[in-house]
Amino acid sequence: MATDYDAPRKTDDDLSEDSLEELKARRVDKASSSVDVDEAEQAEGFELPGADLSGEELSYRVIPRQADEFTCSHCFLVHHRSQLAKTVGGQMICRECVA
């Protein structure tokens, strides 16, 4: 966070003047000013201008799992053998899922 070194600093007397009730009231005021917005409704009405992507196709080159890789049975990600933490009942588990 940036610090403004030119701003006047509060003294110990100023800090003690801020009562707990004042601080709670400020927090309530800030919380009451927010508006509840349903994100699903907001997303439905949002359209990008000129973005008709219905005819688009994604093209990615899929590389099959290599001999030195395994698929974790918990997260289903493909990892290098060096990430293998343990094998339980023939199912391989990566270090990230064990931690």
N, C-alpha and C. Protein backbone atom coordinates (compact mmCIF):
# COMPACT_ATOMS: atom_id res chain seq x y z
N MET A 1 0.84 -1.17 0.00
CA MET A 1 0.00 0.00 0.00
C MET A 1 0.89 1.23 0.00
N ALA A 2 0.55 2.21 -0.79
CA ALA A 2 1.33 3.43 -0.89
C ALA A 2 1.10 4.30 0.33
N THR A 3 2.14 5.00 0.74
CA THR A 3 2.05 5.87 1.90
C THR A 3 2.29 7.30 1.46
N ASP A 4 1.40 8.19 1.87
CA ASP A 4 1.56 9.60 1.57
C ASP A 4 2.32 10.23 2.73
N TYR A 5 3.59 10.50 2.52
CA TYR A 5 4.43 11.03 3.58
C TYR A 5 4.17 12.51 3.85
N ASP A 6 3.46 13.19 2.94
CA ASP A 6 3.15 14.60 3.13
C ASP A 6 1.88 14.80 3.95
N ALA A 7 1.08 13.78 4.11
CA ALA A 7 -0.17 13.90 4.85
C ALA A 7 0.13 14.05 6.34
N PRO A 8 -0.69 14.85 7.03
CA PRO A 8 -0.46 15.00 8.47
C PRO A 8 -0.70 13.68 9.19
N ARG A 9 0.16 13.39 10.14
CA ARG A 9 0.07 12.14 10.88
C ARG A 9 -0.80 12.33 12.12
N LYS A 10 -1.48 11.24 12.50
CA LYS A 10 -2.30 11.29 13.71
C LYS A 10 -1.41 11.10 14.93
N THR A 11 -1.72 11.86 15.93
CA THR A 11 -0.99 11.70 17.19
C THR A 11 -1.72 10.67 18.05
N ASP A 12 -1.14 10.36 19.18
CA ASP A 12 -1.77 9.41 20.10
C ASP A 12 -3.11 9.92 20.59
N ASP A 13 -3.24 11.26 20.75
CA ASP A 13 -4.51 11.84 21.19
C ASP A 13 -5.59 11.65 20.13
N ASP A 14 -5.22 11.82 18.86
CA ASP A 14 -6.18 11.65 17.77
C ASP A 14 -6.64 10.20 17.67
N LEU A 15 -5.71 9.28 17.85
CA LEU A 15 -6.06 7.87 17.76
C LEU A 15 -6.99 7.45 18.89
N SER A 16 -6.81 8.02 20.07
CA SER A 16 -7.66 7.64 21.20
C SER A 16 -9.05 8.24 21.07
N GLU A 17 -9.19 9.32 20.27
CA GLU A 17 -10.50 9.94 20.07
C GLU A 17 -11.42 9.07 19.24
N ASP A 18 -10.86 8.23 18.36
CA ASP A 18 -11.68 7.33 17.55
C ASP A 18 -12.20 6.23 18.46
N SER A 19 -13.44 6.37 18.86
CA SER A 19 -14.01 5.37 19.76
C SER A 19 -14.41 4.13 18.98
N LEU A 20 -14.60 3.06 19.68
CA LEU A 20 -15.00 1.80 19.07
C LEU A 20 -16.36 1.95 18.40
N GLU A 21 -17.26 2.72 19.03
CA GLU A 21 -18.59 2.92 18.47
C GLU A 21 -18.52 3.67 17.14
N GLU A 22 -17.64 4.69 17.05
CA GLU A 22 -17.48 5.43 15.80
C GLU A 22 -16.96 4.53 14.69
N LEU A 23 -16.00 3.72 15.02
CA LEU A 23 -15.44 2.82 14.02
C LEU A 23 -16.47 1.81 13.55
N LYS A 24 -17.28 1.27 14.47
CA LYS A 24 -18.35 0.34 14.08
C LYS A 24 -19.38 1.04 13.21
N ALA A 25 -19.72 2.27 13.54
CA ALA A 25 -20.71 3.02 12.76
C ALA A 25 -20.19 3.27 11.34
N ARG A 26 -18.92 3.58 11.20
CA ARG A 26 -18.34 3.79 9.87
C ARG A 26 -18.41 2.51 9.04
N ARG A 27 -18.12 1.38 9.69
CA ARG A 27 -18.15 0.10 8.98
C ARG A 27 -19.57 -0.22 8.55
N VAL A 28 -20.57 0.04 9.38
CA VAL A 28 -21.97 -0.22 9.03
C VAL A 28 -22.40 0.68 7.89
N ASP A 29 -21.98 1.94 7.91
CA ASP A 29 -22.33 2.86 6.84
C ASP A 29 -21.77 2.40 5.50
N LYS A 30 -20.54 1.93 5.50
CA LYS A 30 -19.93 1.44 4.26
C LYS A 30 -20.62 0.20 3.76
N ALA A 31 -20.99 -0.70 4.67
CA ALA A 31 -21.65 -1.94 4.28
C ALA A 31 -23.06 -1.69 3.77
N SER A 32 -23.76 -0.71 4.32
CA SER A 32 -25.14 -0.46 3.91
C SER A 32 -25.21 0.22 2.55
N SER A 33 -24.13 0.84 2.11
CA SER A 33 -24.16 1.53 0.83
C SER A 33 -24.00 0.58 -0.35
N SER A 34 -23.60 -0.66 -0.11
CA SER A 34 -23.43 -1.60 -1.21
C SER A 34 -24.79 -2.13 -1.64
N VAL A 35 -24.92 -2.42 -2.92
CA VAL A 35 -26.18 -2.89 -3.49
C VAL A 35 -26.02 -4.36 -3.83
N ASP A 36 -27.03 -5.16 -3.46
CA ASP A 36 -27.00 -6.57 -3.81
C ASP A 36 -27.40 -6.73 -5.27
N VAL A 37 -26.53 -7.31 -6.06
CA VAL A 37 -26.78 -7.51 -7.47
C VAL A 37 -26.69 -9.00 -7.75
N ASP A 38 -27.70 -9.53 -8.41
CA ASP A 38 -27.67 -10.94 -8.78
C ASP A 38 -26.74 -11.08 -9.98
N GLU A 39 -25.63 -11.75 -9.79
CA GLU A 39 -24.61 -11.87 -10.84
C GLU A 39 -25.13 -12.64 -12.03
N ALA A 40 -26.00 -13.62 -11.80
CA ALA A 40 -26.53 -14.41 -12.90
C ALA A 40 -27.39 -13.55 -13.82
N GLU A 41 -28.24 -12.71 -13.23
CA GLU A 41 -29.08 -11.84 -14.05
C GLU A 41 -28.24 -10.82 -14.79
N GLN A 42 -27.24 -10.31 -14.15
CA GLN A 42 -26.38 -9.32 -14.77
C GLN A 42 -25.61 -9.94 -15.94
N ALA A 43 -25.15 -11.18 -15.80
CA ALA A 43 -24.38 -11.84 -16.85
C ALA A 43 -25.26 -12.20 -18.05
N GLU A 44 -26.54 -12.51 -17.82
CA GLU A 44 -27.42 -12.88 -18.92
C GLU A 44 -27.64 -11.71 -19.87
N GLY A 45 -27.74 -10.51 -19.35
CA GLY A 45 -28.01 -9.36 -20.18
C GLY A 45 -26.77 -8.77 -20.82
N PHE A 46 -25.62 -9.31 -20.53
CA PHE A 46 -24.36 -8.75 -21.03
C PHE A 46 -23.98 -9.41 -22.35
N GLU A 47 -23.83 -8.60 -23.37
CA GLU A 47 -23.40 -9.12 -24.67
C GLU A 47 -22.25 -8.28 -25.20
N LEU A 48 -21.30 -8.94 -25.79
CA LEU A 48 -20.21 -8.20 -26.42
C LEU A 48 -20.67 -7.70 -27.77
N PRO A 49 -20.36 -6.47 -28.12
CA PRO A 49 -20.80 -5.93 -29.41
C PRO A 49 -20.12 -6.65 -30.57
N GLY A 50 -20.91 -7.17 -31.48
CA GLY A 50 -20.38 -7.83 -32.66
C GLY A 50 -19.66 -9.12 -32.39
N ALA A 51 -20.00 -9.81 -31.32
CA ALA A 51 -19.29 -11.02 -30.95
C ALA A 51 -20.17 -12.25 -31.14
N ASP A 52 -20.45 -12.60 -32.38
CA ASP A 52 -21.20 -13.82 -32.65
C ASP A 52 -20.19 -14.93 -32.81
N LEU A 53 -20.00 -15.71 -31.77
CA LEU A 53 -18.99 -16.75 -31.76
C LEU A 53 -19.59 -18.13 -31.99
N SER A 54 -20.82 -18.19 -32.49
CA SER A 54 -21.48 -19.49 -32.64
C SER A 54 -20.81 -20.37 -33.70
N GLY A 55 -20.17 -19.79 -34.69
CA GLY A 55 -19.53 -20.57 -35.73
C GLY A 55 -18.05 -20.84 -35.49
N GLU A 56 -17.53 -20.37 -34.36
CA GLU A 56 -16.11 -20.53 -34.06
C GLU A 56 -15.80 -21.93 -33.56
N GLU A 57 -14.65 -22.43 -33.94
CA GLU A 57 -14.18 -23.71 -33.46
C GLU A 57 -12.83 -23.51 -32.77
N LEU A 58 -12.66 -24.18 -31.67
CA LEU A 58 -11.39 -24.11 -30.98
C LEU A 58 -10.48 -25.20 -31.53
N SER A 59 -9.26 -24.84 -31.79
CA SER A 59 -8.33 -25.84 -32.31
C SER A 59 -7.08 -25.86 -31.44
N TYR A 60 -6.91 -26.94 -30.73
CA TYR A 60 -5.75 -27.16 -29.89
C TYR A 60 -5.10 -28.47 -30.29
N ARG A 61 -3.80 -28.48 -30.20
CA ARG A 61 -3.08 -29.72 -30.48
C ARG A 61 -3.02 -30.51 -29.18
N VAL A 62 -3.67 -31.64 -29.14
CA VAL A 62 -3.70 -32.48 -27.95
C VAL A 62 -2.57 -33.47 -28.02
N ILE A 63 -1.74 -33.47 -27.00
CA ILE A 63 -0.60 -34.38 -26.94
C ILE A 63 -0.96 -35.50 -25.97
N PRO A 64 -0.87 -36.75 -26.40
CA PRO A 64 -1.20 -37.85 -25.48
C PRO A 64 -0.22 -37.90 -24.31
N ARG A 65 -0.66 -38.53 -23.23
CA ARG A 65 0.17 -38.65 -22.04
C ARG A 65 1.45 -39.40 -22.40
N GLN A 66 2.57 -38.87 -21.94
CA GLN A 66 3.87 -39.45 -22.24
C GLN A 66 4.17 -40.59 -21.27
N ALA A 67 5.21 -41.35 -21.56
CA ALA A 67 5.58 -42.50 -20.73
C ALA A 67 6.03 -42.08 -19.34
N ASP A 68 6.58 -40.87 -19.20
CA ASP A 68 7.05 -40.42 -17.90
C ASP A 68 6.03 -39.53 -17.18
N GLU A 69 4.75 -39.62 -17.55
CA GLU A 69 3.70 -38.84 -16.93
C GLU A 69 2.61 -39.75 -16.38
N PHE A 70 1.81 -39.21 -15.46
CA PHE A 70 0.68 -39.95 -14.92
C PHE A 70 -0.48 -38.99 -14.71
N THR A 71 -1.69 -39.53 -14.60
CA THR A 71 -2.87 -38.73 -14.33
C THR A 71 -3.26 -38.95 -12.88
N CYS A 72 -3.34 -37.87 -12.12
CA CYS A 72 -3.71 -37.95 -10.71
C CYS A 72 -5.17 -38.39 -10.60
N SER A 73 -5.44 -39.31 -9.69
CA SER A 73 -6.80 -39.81 -9.53
C SER A 73 -7.69 -38.87 -8.73
N HIS A 74 -7.11 -37.83 -8.12
CA HIS A 74 -7.91 -36.85 -7.37
C HIS A 74 -8.19 -35.61 -8.19
N CYS A 75 -7.18 -34.97 -8.75
CA CYS A 75 -7.38 -33.72 -9.49
C CYS A 75 -7.49 -33.93 -11.00
N PHE A 76 -7.18 -35.12 -11.48
CA PHE A 76 -7.26 -35.50 -12.89
C PHE A 76 -6.36 -34.66 -13.80
N LEU A 77 -5.29 -34.12 -13.23
CA LEU A 77 -4.29 -33.41 -14.03
C LEU A 77 -3.16 -34.36 -14.37
N VAL A 78 -2.53 -34.11 -15.50
CA VAL A 78 -1.39 -34.92 -15.91
C VAL A 78 -0.13 -34.29 -15.34
N HIS A 79 0.62 -35.09 -14.60
CA HIS A 79 1.85 -34.63 -13.96
C HIS A 79 3.02 -35.49 -14.41
N HIS A 80 4.23 -34.96 -14.22
CA HIS A 80 5.45 -35.72 -14.45
C HIS A 80 5.61 -36.72 -13.31
N ARG A 81 6.29 -37.81 -13.56
CA ARG A 81 6.49 -38.86 -12.54
C ARG A 81 7.14 -38.33 -11.27
N SER A 82 7.91 -37.28 -11.38
CA SER A 82 8.56 -36.72 -10.21
C SER A 82 7.55 -36.12 -9.23
N GLN A 83 6.31 -35.88 -9.67
CA GLN A 83 5.28 -35.33 -8.82
C GLN A 83 4.43 -36.40 -8.13
N LEU A 84 4.73 -37.67 -8.39
CA LEU A 84 3.98 -38.76 -7.80
C LEU A 84 4.28 -38.85 -6.30
N ALA A 85 3.22 -38.77 -5.48
CA ALA A 85 3.40 -38.84 -4.03
C ALA A 85 3.17 -40.25 -3.52
N LYS A 86 2.08 -40.88 -3.95
CA LYS A 86 1.80 -42.23 -3.51
C LYS A 86 0.81 -42.90 -4.44
N THR A 87 0.76 -44.22 -4.33
CA THR A 87 -0.20 -45.01 -5.09
C THR A 87 -1.07 -45.76 -4.10
N VAL A 88 -2.37 -45.56 -4.19
CA VAL A 88 -3.31 -46.21 -3.28
C VAL A 88 -4.26 -47.06 -4.11
N GLY A 89 -4.18 -48.36 -3.94
CA GLY A 89 -5.06 -49.26 -4.69
C GLY A 89 -4.93 -49.13 -6.20
N GLY A 90 -3.73 -48.89 -6.66
CA GLY A 90 -3.50 -48.75 -8.10
C GLY A 90 -3.80 -47.36 -8.64
N GLN A 91 -4.28 -46.46 -7.79
CA GLN A 91 -4.57 -45.09 -8.21
C GLN A 91 -3.43 -44.17 -7.77
N MET A 92 -2.90 -43.42 -8.72
CA MET A 92 -1.76 -42.55 -8.45
C MET A 92 -2.27 -41.19 -7.97
N ILE A 93 -1.58 -40.63 -6.96
CA ILE A 93 -1.96 -39.35 -6.38
C ILE A 93 -0.74 -38.43 -6.41
N CYS A 94 -0.95 -37.20 -6.86
CA CYS A 94 0.16 -36.24 -6.98
C CYS A 94 0.47 -35.60 -5.63
N ARG A 95 1.61 -34.90 -5.57
CA ARG A 95 2.06 -34.25 -4.35
C ARG A 95 1.11 -33.13 -3.93
N GLU A 96 0.52 -32.43 -4.89
CA GLU A 96 -0.38 -31.32 -4.57
C GLU A 96 -1.64 -31.81 -3.86
N CYS A 97 -2.15 -32.96 -4.24
CA CYS A 97 -3.37 -33.49 -3.63
C CYS A 97 -3.10 -34.11 -2.27
N VAL A 98 -1.89 -34.57 -2.03
CA VAL A 98 -1.55 -35.17 -0.75
C VAL A 98 -1.35 -34.09 0.29
N ALA A 99 -0.80 -32.96 -0.12
CA ALA A 99 -0.47 -31.87 0.82
C ALA A 99 -1.69 -31.23 1.40
